[in-house]
PDB file of N, CA and C in Angstrom:
ATOM      1  N   MET A   1     -62.595 -79.567-141.496  1.00  0.00           N
ATOM      2  CA  MET A   1     -63.937 -79.463-142.030  1.00  0.00           C
ATOM      3  C   MET A   1     -64.866 -79.034-140.913  1.00  0.00           C
ATOM      4  N   SER A   2     -65.760 -78.136-141.262  1.00  0.00           N
ATOM      5  CA  SER A   2     -66.743 -77.672-140.297  1.00  0.00           C
ATOM      6  C   SER A   2     -67.713 -78.799-139.967  1.00  0.00           C
ATOM      7  N   ASN A   3     -68.041 -78.910-138.693  1.00  0.00           N
ATOM      8  CA  ASN A   3     -69.024 -79.905-138.276  1.00  0.00           C
ATOM      9  C   ASN A   3     -70.421 -79.319-138.251  1.00  0.00           C
ATOM     10  N   ALA A   4     -70.560 -78.064-138.695  1.00  0.00           N
ATOM     11  CA  ALA A   4     -71.871 -77.421-138.713  1.00  0.00           C
ATOM     12  C   ALA A   4     -72.782 -78.159-139.679  1.00  0.00           C
ATOM     13  N   PRO A   5     -74.031 -78.327-139.297  1.00  0.00           N
ATOM     14  CA  PRO A   5     -74.960 -79.022-140.197  1.00  0.00           C
ATOM     15  C   PRO A   5     -75.224 -78.195-141.452  1.00  0.00           C
ATOM     16  N   ILE A   6     -75.624 -78.874-142.481  1.00  0.00           N
ATOM     17  CA  ILE A   6     -75.995 -78.200-143.718  1.00  0.00           C
ATOM     18  C   ILE A   6     -77.293 -77.435-143.453  1.00  0.00           C
ATOM     19  N   PRO A   7     -77.340 -76.154-143.824  1.00  0.00           N
ATOM     20  CA  PRO A   7     -78.557 -75.380-143.565  1.00  0.00           C
ATOM     21  C   PRO A   7     -79.728 -75.892-144.408  1.00  0.00           C
ATOM     22  N   PRO A   8     -80.943 -75.585-143.985  1.00  0.00           N
ATOM     23  CA  PRO A   8     -82.120 -76.079-144.706  1.00  0.00           C
ATOM     24  C   PRO A   8     -82.442 -75.286-145.970  1.00  0.00           C
ATOM     25  N   THR A   9     -81.595 -74.347-146.339  1.00  0.00           N
ATOM     26  CA  THR A   9     -81.853 -73.524-147.519  1.00  0.00           C
ATOM     27  C   THR A   9     -80.550 -73.258-148.268  1.00  0.00           C
ATOM     28  N   LEU A  10     -80.670 -72.981-149.548  1.00  0.00           N
ATOM     29  CA  LEU A  10     -79.509 -72.587-150.338  1.00  0.00           C
ATOM     30  C   LEU A  10     -79.350 -71.067-150.377  1.00  0.00           C
ATOM     31  N   LEU A  11     -80.281 -70.340-149.804  1.00  0.00           N
ATOM     32  CA  LEU A  11     -80.210 -68.885-149.812  1.00  0.00           C
ATOM     33  C   LEU A  11     -79.121 -68.411-148.856  1.00  0.00           C
ATOM     34  N   THR A  12     -78.241 -67.562-149.355  1.00  0.00           N
ATOM     35  CA  THR A  12     -77.178 -66.989-148.538  1.00  0.00           C
ATOM     36  C   THR A  12     -77.184 -65.479-148.726  1.00  0.00           C
ATOM     37  N   ARG A  13     -76.563 -64.766-147.779  1.00  0.00           N
ATOM     38  CA  ARG A  13     -76.585 -63.306-147.804  1.00  0.00           C
ATOM     39  C   ARG A  13     -75.658 -62.695-148.840  1.00  0.00           C
ATOM     40  N   ASN A  14     -74.606 -63.418-149.211  1.00  0.00           N
ATOM     41  CA  ASN A  14     -73.639 -62.847-150.151  1.00  0.00           C
ATOM     42  C   ASN A  14     -72.850 -63.985-150.809  1.00  0.00           C
ATOM     43  N   PRO A  15     -72.099 -63.661-151.873  1.00  0.00           N
ATOM     44  CA  PRO A  15     -71.343 -64.705-152.575  1.00  0.00           C
ATOM     45  C   PRO A  15     -70.306 -65.418-151.702  1.00  0.00           C
ATOM     46  N   ASP A  16     -69.660 -64.702-150.785  1.00  0.00           N
ATOM     47  CA  ASP A  16     -68.677 -65.376-149.915  1.00  0.00           C
ATOM     48  C   ASP A  16     -69.339 -66.461-149.082  1.00  0.00           C
ATOM     49  N   GLU A  17     -70.483 -66.135-148.517  1.00  0.00           N
ATOM     50  CA  GLU A  17     -71.227 -67.135-147.735  1.00  0.00           C
ATOM     51  C   GLU A  17     -71.678 -68.287-148.634  1.00  0.00           C
ATOM     52  N   GLY A  18     -72.084 -67.962-149.850  1.00  0.00           N
ATOM     53  CA  GLY A  18     -72.503 -68.987-150.800  1.00  0.00           C
ATOM     54  C   GLY A  18     -71.373 -69.915-151.194  1.00  0.00           C
ATOM     55  N   PHE A  19     -70.187 -69.353-151.393  1.00  0.00           N
ATOM     56  CA  PHE A  19     -69.044 -70.186-151.748  1.00  0.00           C
ATOM     57  C   PHE A  19     -68.679 -71.112-150.590  1.00  0.00           C
ATOM     58  N   GLY A  20     -68.740 -70.592-149.372  1.00  0.00           N
ATOM     59  CA  GLY A  20     -68.483 -71.438-148.199  1.00  0.00           C
ATOM     60  C   GLY A  20     -69.475 -72.578-148.117  1.00  0.00           C
ATOM     61  N   LEU A  21     -70.733 -72.281-148.418  1.00  0.00           N
ATOM     62  CA  LEU A  21     -71.752 -73.330-148.411  1.00  0.00           C
ATOM     63  C   LEU A  21     -71.481 -74.354-149.508  1.00  0.00           C
ATOM     64  N   ALA A  22     -71.030 -73.895-150.665  1.00  0.00           N
ATOM     65  CA  ALA A  22     -70.709 -74.822-151.763  1.00  0.00           C
ATOM     66  C   ALA A  22     -69.606 -75.793-151.343  1.00  0.00           C
ATOM     67  N   ILE A  23     -68.604 -75.293-150.649  1.00  0.00           N
ATOM     68  CA  ILE A  23     -67.529 -76.164-150.170  1.00  0.00           C
ATOM     69  C   ILE A  23     -68.065 -77.141-149.134  1.00  0.00           C
ATOM     70  N   ARG A  24     -68.902 -76.658-148.213  1.00  0.00           N
ATOM     71  CA  ARG A  24     -69.482 -77.551-147.195  1.00  0.00           C
ATOM     72  C   ARG A  24     -70.310 -78.658-147.833  1.00  0.00           C
ATOM     73  N   LEU A  25     -71.114 -78.306-148.838  1.00  0.00           N
ATOM     74  CA  LEU A  25     -71.925 -79.323-149.520  1.00  0.00           C
ATOM     75  C   LEU A  25     -71.047 -80.369-150.196  1.00  0.00           C
ATOM     76  N   SER A  26     -69.969 -79.920-150.809  1.00  0.00           N
ATOM     77  CA  SER A  26     -69.051 -80.845-151.489  1.00  0.00           C
ATOM     78  C   SER A  26     -68.402 -81.791-150.492  1.00  0.00           C
ATOM     79  N   ARG A  27     -67.937 -81.236-149.386  1.00  0.00           N
ATOM     80  CA  ARG A  27     -67.303 -82.066-148.351  1.00  0.00           C
ATOM     81  C   ARG A  27     -68.308 -83.033-147.729  1.00  0.00           C
ATOM     82  N   PHE A  28     -69.523 -82.549-147.518  1.00  0.00           N
ATOM     83  CA  PHE A  28     -70.561 -83.394-146.940  1.00  0.00           C
ATOM     84  C   PHE A  28     -70.856 -84.586-147.848  1.00  0.00           C
ATOM     85  N   ALA A  29     -70.888 -84.331-149.158  1.00  0.00           N
ATOM     86  CA  ALA A  29     -71.141 -85.419-150.106  1.00  0.00           C
ATOM     87  C   ALA A  29     -70.035 -86.469-150.052  1.00  0.00           C
ATOM     88  N   VAL A  30     -68.781 -86.017-149.941  1.00  0.00           N
ATOM     89  CA  VAL A  30     -67.665 -86.960-149.852  1.00  0.00           C
ATOM     90  C   VAL A  30     -67.787 -87.787-148.572  1.00  0.00           C
ATOM     91  N   LYS A  31     -68.121 -87.118-147.475  1.00  0.00           N
ATOM     92  CA  LYS A  31     -68.246 -87.820-146.192  1.00  0.00           C
ATOM     93  C   LYS A  31     -69.383 -88.852-146.232  1.00  0.00           C
ATOM     94  N   LEU A  32     -70.470 -88.516-146.896  1.00  0.00           N
ATOM     95  CA  LEU A  32     -71.576 -89.481-147.018  1.00  0.00           C
ATOM     96  C   LEU A  32     -71.195 -90.641-147.930  1.00  0.00           C
ATOM     97  N   THR A  33     -70.435 -90.344-148.981  1.00  0.00           N
ATOM     98  CA  THR A  33     -70.023 -91.376-149.918  1.00  0.00           C
ATOM     99  C   THR A  33     -69.016 -92.327-149.293  1.00  0.00           C
ATOM    100  N   GLN A  34     -68.075 -91.765-148.510  1.00  0.00           N
ATOM    101  CA  GLN A  34     -67.066 -92.587-147.835  1.00  0.00           C
ATOM    102  C   GLN A  34     -67.053 -92.193-146.354  1.00  0.00           C
ATOM    103  N   PRO A  35     -67.908 -92.841-145.544  1.00  0.00           N
ATOM    104  CA  PRO A  35     -68.031 -92.457-144.139  1.00  0.00           C
ATOM    105  C   PRO A  35     -66.818 -92.808-143.272  1.00  0.00           C
ATOM    106  N   ASP A  36     -65.936 -93.676-143.746  1.00  0.00           N
ATOM    107  CA  ASP A  36     -64.777 -94.070-142.947  1.00  0.00           C
ATOM    108  C   ASP A  36     -63.690 -92.995-143.039  1.00  0.00           C
ATOM    109  N   GLY A  37     -63.477 -92.271-141.957  1.00  0.00           N
ATOM    110  CA  GLY A  37     -62.502 -91.190-141.929  1.00  0.00           C
ATOM    111  C   GLY A  37     -61.089 -91.646-142.213  1.00  0.00           C
ATOM    112  N   ASP A  38     -60.728 -92.838-141.766  1.00  0.00           N
ATOM    113  CA  ASP A  38     -59.377 -93.346-142.030  1.00  0.00           C
ATOM    114  C   ASP A  38     -59.151 -93.580-143.522  1.00  0.00           C
ATOM    115  N   ILE A  39     -60.158 -94.101-144.197  1.00  0.00           N
ATOM    116  CA  ILE A  39     -60.037 -94.323-145.642  1.00  0.00           C
ATOM    117  C   ILE A  39     -59.945 -92.980-146.366  1.00  0.00           C
ATOM    118  N   ARG A  40     -60.805 -92.021-145.979  1.00  0.00           N
ATOM    119  CA  ARG A  40     -60.725 -90.693-146.604  1.00  0.00           C
ATOM    120  C   ARG A  40     -59.333 -90.093-146.411  1.00  0.00           C
ATOM    121  N   ALA A  41     -58.801 -90.190-145.219  1.00  0.00           N
ATOM    122  CA  ALA A  41     -57.476 -89.633-144.932  1.00  0.00           C
ATOM    123  C   ALA A  41     -56.398 -90.322-145.766  1.00  0.00           C
ATOM    124  N   SER A  42     -56.532 -91.635-145.947  1.00  0.00           N
ATOM    125  CA  SER A  42     -55.512 -92.369-146.703  1.00  0.00           C
ATOM    126  C   SER A  42     -55.542 -92.014-148.194  1.00  0.00           C
ATOM    127  N   LEU A  43     -56.676 -91.546-148.687  1.00  0.00           N
ATOM    128  CA  LEU A  43     -56.806 -91.201-150.103  1.00  0.00           C
ATOM    129  C   LEU A  43     -56.356 -89.769-150.414  1.00  0.00           C
ATOM    130  N   ARG A  44     -56.240 -88.934-149.387  1.00  0.00           N
ATOM    131  CA  ARG A  44     -55.902 -87.528-149.617  1.00  0.00           C
ATOM    132  C   ARG A  44     -54.590 -87.350-150.364  1.00  0.00           C
ATOM    133  N   ASP A  45     -53.582 -88.128-150.016  1.00  0.00           N
ATOM    134  CA  ASP A  45     -52.298 -87.981-150.694  1.00  0.00           C
ATOM    135  C   ASP A  45     -52.430 -88.314-152.175  1.00  0.00           C
ATOM    136  N   GLN A  46     -53.244 -89.304-152.486  1.00  0.00           N
ATOM    137  CA  GLN A  46     -53.438 -89.715-153.881  1.00  0.00           C
ATOM    138  C   GLN A  46     -54.108 -88.605-154.689  1.00  0.00           C
ATOM    139  N   TYR A  47     -55.257 -88.101-154.227  1.00  0.00           N
ATOM    140  CA  TYR A  47     -55.940 -87.085-155.026  1.00  0.00           C
ATOM    141  C   TYR A  47     -55.300 -85.715-154.869  1.00  0.00           C
ATOM    142  N   GLY A  48     -54.589 -85.488-153.780  1.00  0.00           N
ATOM    143  CA  GLY A  48     -53.924 -84.211-153.574  1.00  0.00           C
ATOM    144  C   GLY A  48     -52.750 -83.973-154.498  1.00  0.00           C
ATOM    145  N   ARG A  49     -52.263 -85.023-155.137  1.00  0.00           N
ATOM    146  CA  ARG A  49     -51.129 -84.911-156.058  1.00  0.00           C
ATOM    147  C   ARG A  49     -51.535 -85.116-157.519  1.00  0.00           C
ATOM    148  N   ASP A  50     -52.803 -85.316-157.748  1.00  0.00           N
ATOM    149  CA  ASP A  50     -53.292 -85.587-159.097  1.00  0.00           C
ATOM    150  C   ASP A  50     -54.037 -84.355-159.610  1.00  0.00           C
ATOM    151  N   PRO A  51     -53.456 -83.634-160.572  1.00  0.00           N
ATOM    152  CA  PRO A  51     -54.090 -82.408-161.058  1.00  0.00           C
ATOM    153  C   PRO A  51     -55.504 -82.627-161.589  1.00  0.00           C
ATOM    154  N   GLU A  52     -55.733 -83.739-162.260  1.00  0.00           N
ATOM    155  CA  GLU A  52     -57.074 -84.006-162.790  1.00  0.00           C
ATOM    156  C   GLU A  52     -58.088 -84.169-161.669  1.00  0.00           C
ATOM    157  N   MET A  53     -57.704 -84.833-160.601  1.00  0.00           N
ATOM    158  CA  MET A  53     -58.610 -85.009-159.456  1.00  0.00           C
ATOM    159  C   MET A  53     -58.907 -83.668-158.789  1.00  0.00           C
ATOM    160  N   LEU A  54     -57.898 -82.816-158.693  1.00  0.00           N
ATOM    161  CA  LEU A  54     -58.088 -81.497-158.089  1.00  0.00           C
ATOM    162  C   LEU A  54     -59.020 -80.631-158.944  1.00  0.00           C
ATOM    163  N   ILE A  55     -58.870 -80.727-160.264  1.00  0.00           N
ATOM    164  CA  ILE A  55     -59.759 -79.999-161.162  1.00  0.00           C
ATOM    165  C   ILE A  55     -61.185 -80.510-161.017  1.00  0.00           C
ATOM    166  N   LEU A  56     -61.362 -81.807-160.927  1.00  0.00           N
ATOM    167  CA  LEU A  56     -62.699 -82.373-160.741  1.00  0.00           C
ATOM    168  C   LEU A  56     -63.323 -81.897-159.430  1.00  0.00           C
ATOM    169  N   ALA A  57     -62.529 -81.836-158.382  1.00  0.00           N
ATOM    170  CA  ALA A  57     -63.039 -81.343-157.099  1.00  0.00           C
ATOM    171  C   ALA A  57     -63.478 -79.889-157.232  1.00  0.00           C
ATOM    172  N   SER A  58     -62.708 -79.088-157.942  1.00  0.00           N
ATOM    173  CA  SER A  58     -63.073 -77.688-158.162  1.00  0.00           C
ATOM    174  C   SER A  58     -64.366 -77.582-158.968  1.00  0.00           C
ATOM    175  N   GLN A  59     -64.540 -78.464-159.919  1.00  0.00           N
ATOM    176  CA  GLN A  59     -65.768 -78.455-160.727  1.00  0.00           C
ATOM    177  C   GLN A  59     -66.993 -78.767-159.877  1.00  0.00           C
ATOM    178  N   VAL A  60     -66.858 -79.674-158.936  1.00  0.00           N
ATOM    179  CA  VAL A  60     -67.981 -80.002-158.054  1.00  0.00           C
ATOM    180  C   VAL A  60     -68.357 -78.782-157.218  1.00  0.00           C
ATOM    181  N   VAL A  61     -67.362 -78.119-156.649  1.00  0.00           N
ATOM    182  CA  VAL A  61     -67.632 -76.912-155.858  1.00  0.00           C
ATOM    183  C   VAL A  61     -68.274 -75.846-156.746  1.00  0.00           C
ATOM    184  N   ALA A  62     -67.761 -75.675-157.960  1.00  0.00           N
ATOM    185  CA  ALA A  62     -68.316 -74.675-158.872  1.00  0.00           C
ATOM    186  C   ALA A  62     -69.772 -74.966-159.211  1.00  0.00           C
ATOM    187  N   THR A  63     -70.108 -76.221-159.396  1.00  0.00           N
ATOM    188  CA  THR A  63     -71.492 -76.593-159.684  1.00  0.00           C
ATOM    189  C   THR A  63     -72.398 -76.258-158.506  1.00  0.00           C
ATOM    190  N   HIS A  64     -71.953 -76.594-157.300  1.00  0.00           N
ATOM    191  CA  HIS A  64     -72.732 -76.234-156.104  1.00  0.00           C
ATOM    192  C   HIS A  64     -72.874 -74.722-155.996  1.00  0.00           C
ATOM    193  N   PHE A  65     -71.774 -73.983-156.233  1.00  0.00           N
ATOM    194  CA  PHE A  65     -71.819 -72.534-156.113  1.00  0.00           C
ATOM    195  C   PHE A  65     -72.773 -71.929-157.141  1.00  0.00           C
ATOM    196  N   ALA A  66     -72.772 -72.435-158.365  1.00  0.00           N
ATOM    197  CA  ALA A  66     -73.684 -71.923-159.392  1.00  0.00           C
ATOM    198  C   ALA A  66     -75.141 -72.135-158.978  1.00  0.00           C
ATOM    199  N   THR A  67     -75.431 -73.273-158.384  1.00  0.00           N
ATOM    200  CA  THR A  67     -76.786 -73.557-157.913  1.00  0.00           C
ATOM    201  C   THR A  67     -77.175 -72.598-156.791  1.00  0.00           C
ATOM    202  N   ILE A  68     -76.265 -72.392-155.844  1.00  0.00           N
ATOM    203  CA  ILE A  68     -76.524 -71.481-154.721  1.00  0.00           C
ATOM    204  C   ILE A  68     -76.681 -70.049-155.225  1.00  0.00           C
ATOM    205  N   ALA A  69     -75.819 -69.647-156.160  1.00  0.00           N
ATOM    206  CA  ALA A  69     -75.900 -68.298-156.715  1.00  0.00           C
ATOM    207  C   ALA A  69     -77.238 -68.071-157.410  1.00  0.00           C
ATOM    208  N   ALA A  70     -77.701 -69.054-158.148  1.00  0.00           N
ATOM    209  CA  ALA A  70     -78.996 -68.928-158.818  1.00  0.00           C
ATOM    210  C   ALA A  70     -80.126 -68.857-157.795  1.00  0.00           C
ATOM    211  N   ALA A  71     -80.074 -69.686-156.781  1.00  0.00           N
ATOM    212  CA  ALA A  71     -81.118 -69.683-155.741  1.00  0.00           C
ATOM    213  C   ALA A  71     -81.135 -68.364-154.984  1.00  0.00           C
ATOM    214  N   SER A  72     -79.951 -67.804-154.755  1.00  0.00           N
ATOM    215  CA  SER A  72     -79.840 -66.569-153.989  1.00  0.00           C
ATOM    216  C   SER A  72     -79.934 -65.324-154.866  1.00  0.00           C
ATOM    217  N   ASN A  73     -79.995 -65.512-156.167  1.00  0.00           N
ATOM    218  CA  ASN A  73     -80.159 -64.428-157.129  1.00  0.00           C
ATOM    219  C   ASN A  73     -79.087 -63.353-156.957  1.00  0.00           C
ATOM    220  N   TYR A  74     -77.828 -63.784-156.849  1.00  0.00           N
ATOM    221  CA  TYR A  74     -76.723 -62.854-156.583  1.00  0.00           C
ATOM    222  C   TYR A  74     -76.592 -61.748-157.615  1.00  0.00           C
ATOM    223  N   TRP A  75     -76.908 -62.048-158.860  1.00  0.00           N
ATOM    224  CA  TRP A  75     -76.649 -61.077-159.927  1.00  0.00           C
ATOM    225  C   TRP A  75     -77.899 -60.321-160.356  1.00  0.00           C
ATOM    226  N   LYS A  76     -78.883 -60.243-159.485  1.00  0.00           N
ATOM    227  CA  LYS A  76     -80.138 -59.584-159.846  1.00  0.00           C
ATOM    228  C   LYS A  76     -79.949 -58.112-160.190  1.00  0.00           C
ATOM    229  N   ASP A  77     -78.977 -57.426-159.584  1.00  0.00           N
ATOM    230  CA  ASP A  77     -78.774 -56.005-159.802  1.00  0.00           C
ATOM    231  C   ASP A  77     -77.711 -55.703-160.854  1.00  0.00           C
ATOM    232  N   GLN A  78     -77.163 -56.733-161.475  1.00  0.00           N
ATOM    233  CA  GLN A  78     -76.104 -56.543-162.464  1.00  0.00           C
ATOM    234  C   GLN A  78     -76.728 -56.210-163.823  1.00  0.00           C
ATOM    235  N   GLN A  79     -76.096 -55.284-164.528  1.00  0.00           N
ATOM    236  CA  GLN A  79     -76.518 -54.923-165.866  1.00  0.00           C
ATOM    237  C   GLN A  79     -75.670 -55.681-166.883  1.00  0.00           C
ATOM    238  N   PRO A  80     -76.259 -56.122-168.010  1.00  0.00           N
ATOM    239  CA  PRO A  80     -75.469 -56.839-169.027  1.00  0.00           C
ATOM    240  C   PRO A  80     -74.473 -55.931-169.703  1.00  0.00           C
TER     241      PRO A  80
END
């Protein structure tokens, strides 16, 4: 996990940067929720083998990414 601080804005230059930020925000939330690194490490095997938990983790990242994409107006030039 990157130790870089969370930036003060959700605006990113492109979708790749936005997706990276979405992952960082998700990881940061987990770290704040469970600050003990040993406990987090001990739980990885449990959620890493549970498809439902993995899907939930993906949903959290997707929610962050949708928020970042809206803030950064990624699709402003797209035609319907």
